[in-house]
Amino acid sequence: MATLLRVRLPLPPSVNATNTPMGRRLVLTTEARRWRRDAPVLLGGWEPPAHTPLAVTIKLEVPALYRGDIDGYLKPILDAVIGKNRDQWVTSLSVRKVRGEGWCDVAVEAVEE
């Protein structure tokens, strides 16, 4: 597999902390809006190649290891790194959570068919 991207991003808010009620609807929290704005800048305009199966490896560095669901962080990370309409090209996903300072390390590789 060829490595296409290695990047360190700030840990996004968990999906459970992404929305807040406002009237009768849900809106993005300030933290979620900030992360969605800043993550693409840190990626420097990177986009995965079209029609290429991808393997994604994510290491979550969280302040409290046994707090929060591991899968609650995945959607914002995958949407930022892979793209909202390209998730179907991720054929392998590996995630681990370790104690840390609030970062996520992401590696994207092209999968040989």
Protein backbone atom coordinates (compact mmCIF):
# COMPACT_ATOMS: atom_id res chain seq x y z
CA MET A 1 0.00 0.00 0.00
CA ALA A 2 1.24 3.46 -0.87
CA THR A 3 0.93 6.12 1.82
CA LEU A 4 -0.94 9.12 0.45
CA LEU A 5 -1.23 11.26 3.58
CA ARG A 6 0.02 11.47 7.16
CA VAL A 7 -1.35 14.34 9.21
CA ARG A 8 -1.80 15.40 12.84
CA LEU A 9 -5.04 17.24 13.54
CA PRO A 10 -6.54 18.60 16.73
CA LEU A 11 -9.02 16.15 18.20
CA PRO A 12 -12.50 17.07 16.92
CA PRO A 13 -15.46 17.37 19.25
CA SER A 14 -17.21 14.04 19.66
CA VAL A 15 -20.33 13.59 17.57
CA ASN A 16 -22.22 13.78 20.89
CA ALA A 17 -20.82 17.30 21.46
CA THR A 18 -21.28 18.56 17.91
CA ASN A 19 -24.83 19.89 18.09
CA THR A 20 -26.76 22.01 20.55
CA PRO A 21 -30.49 22.78 20.60
CA MET A 22 -31.60 26.20 19.41
CA GLY A 23 -35.33 26.59 19.43
CA ARG A 24 -36.78 23.58 17.62
CA ARG A 25 -33.64 22.64 15.75
CA LEU A 26 -30.07 21.58 16.35
CA VAL A 27 -27.15 23.80 15.38
CA LEU A 28 -23.41 23.19 15.39
CA THR A 29 -21.60 24.13 18.57
CA THR A 30 -18.92 26.81 18.41
CA GLU A 31 -16.25 24.14 18.89
CA ALA A 32 -17.63 22.02 16.02
CA ARG A 33 -17.81 25.03 13.67
CA ARG A 34 -14.23 25.97 14.55
CA TRP A 35 -12.97 22.41 13.91
CA ARG A 36 -14.79 22.17 10.56
CA ARG A 37 -13.27 25.51 9.54
CA ASP A 38 -9.71 24.75 10.69
CA ALA A 39 -9.27 21.09 9.68
CA PRO A 40 -9.26 21.71 5.88
CA VAL A 41 -6.67 24.47 6.37
CA LEU A 42 -4.40 22.02 8.21
CA LEU A 43 -4.86 19.54 5.35
CA GLY A 44 -3.55 22.14 2.90
CA GLY A 45 -6.19 21.47 0.25
CA TRP A 46 -5.41 17.75 0.12
CA GLU A 47 -8.02 15.53 -1.51
CA PRO A 48 -7.83 11.76 -1.94
CA PRO A 49 -7.50 10.43 -5.48
CA ALA A 50 -10.80 9.69 -7.18
CA HIS A 51 -12.05 6.10 -7.47
CA THR A 52 -9.25 4.67 -5.33
CA PRO A 53 -9.90 2.24 -2.47
CA LEU A 54 -8.41 3.64 0.74
CA ALA A 55 -7.19 2.32 4.07
CA VAL A 56 -7.39 4.81 6.94
CA THR A 57 -5.55 4.48 10.24
CA ILE A 58 -6.44 6.85 13.08
CA LYS A 59 -4.80 7.25 16.48
CA LEU A 60 -6.89 9.32 18.89
CA GLU A 61 -4.94 10.98 21.70
CA VAL A 62 -7.55 11.77 24.34
CA PRO A 63 -7.14 13.36 27.78
CA ALA A 64 -9.33 10.71 29.49
CA LEU A 65 -8.90 7.23 28.02
CA TYR A 66 -12.18 5.72 29.22
CA ARG A 67 -14.36 8.73 28.59
CA GLY A 68 -16.26 9.12 25.35
CA ASP A 69 -17.03 6.61 22.63
CA ILE A 70 -14.20 5.79 20.22
CA ASP A 71 -16.59 5.98 17.25
CA GLY A 72 -17.89 9.42 18.24
CA TYR A 73 -14.76 11.05 16.81
CA LEU A 74 -14.67 9.22 13.47
CA LYS A 75 -17.26 11.01 11.34
CA PRO A 76 -15.78 14.51 11.58
CA ILE A 77 -12.28 13.13 10.94
CA LEU A 78 -13.33 11.06 7.93
CA ASP A 79 -15.44 13.90 6.51
CA ALA A 80 -12.48 16.29 6.74
CA VAL A 81 -9.80 13.92 5.44
CA ILE A 82 -11.71 11.78 2.93
CA GLY A 83 -14.65 14.03 2.05
CA LYS A 84 -18.34 13.78 2.82
CA ASN A 85 -19.22 12.11 -0.48
CA ARG A 86 -16.21 9.79 -0.73
CA ASP A 87 -16.62 7.62 2.37
CA GLN A 88 -17.57 4.64 0.21
CA TRP A 89 -13.93 4.39 -0.95
CA VAL A 90 -12.71 3.58 2.57
CA THR A 91 -12.37 -0.21 2.54
CA SER A 92 -10.27 -0.51 5.70
CA LEU A 93 -10.47 1.52 8.91
CA SER A 94 -8.29 1.06 11.97
CA VAL A 95 -8.76 3.20 15.09
CA ARG A 96 -7.11 3.20 18.48
CA LYS A 97 -7.46 5.47 21.47
CA VAL A 98 -4.55 6.37 23.76
CA ARG A 99 -4.07 8.84 26.58
CA GLY A 100 -2.73 12.11 25.19
CA GLU A 101 -3.06 15.84 24.72
CA GLY A 102 -6.07 16.04 22.38
CA TRP A 103 -4.70 15.20 18.92
CA CYS A 104 -5.47 12.68 16.22
CA ASP A 105 -2.91 11.19 13.87
CA VAL A 106 -4.34 10.09 10.53
CA ALA A 107 -2.72 8.01 7.79
CA VAL A 108 -4.37 7.34 4.44
CA GLU A 109 -3.07 4.66 2.09
CA ALA A 110 -4.11 3.52 -1.36
CA VAL A 111 -5.26 -0.10 -1.32
CA GLU A 112 -3.98 -2.40 -4.04
CA GLU A 113 -6.88 -4.24 -5.65
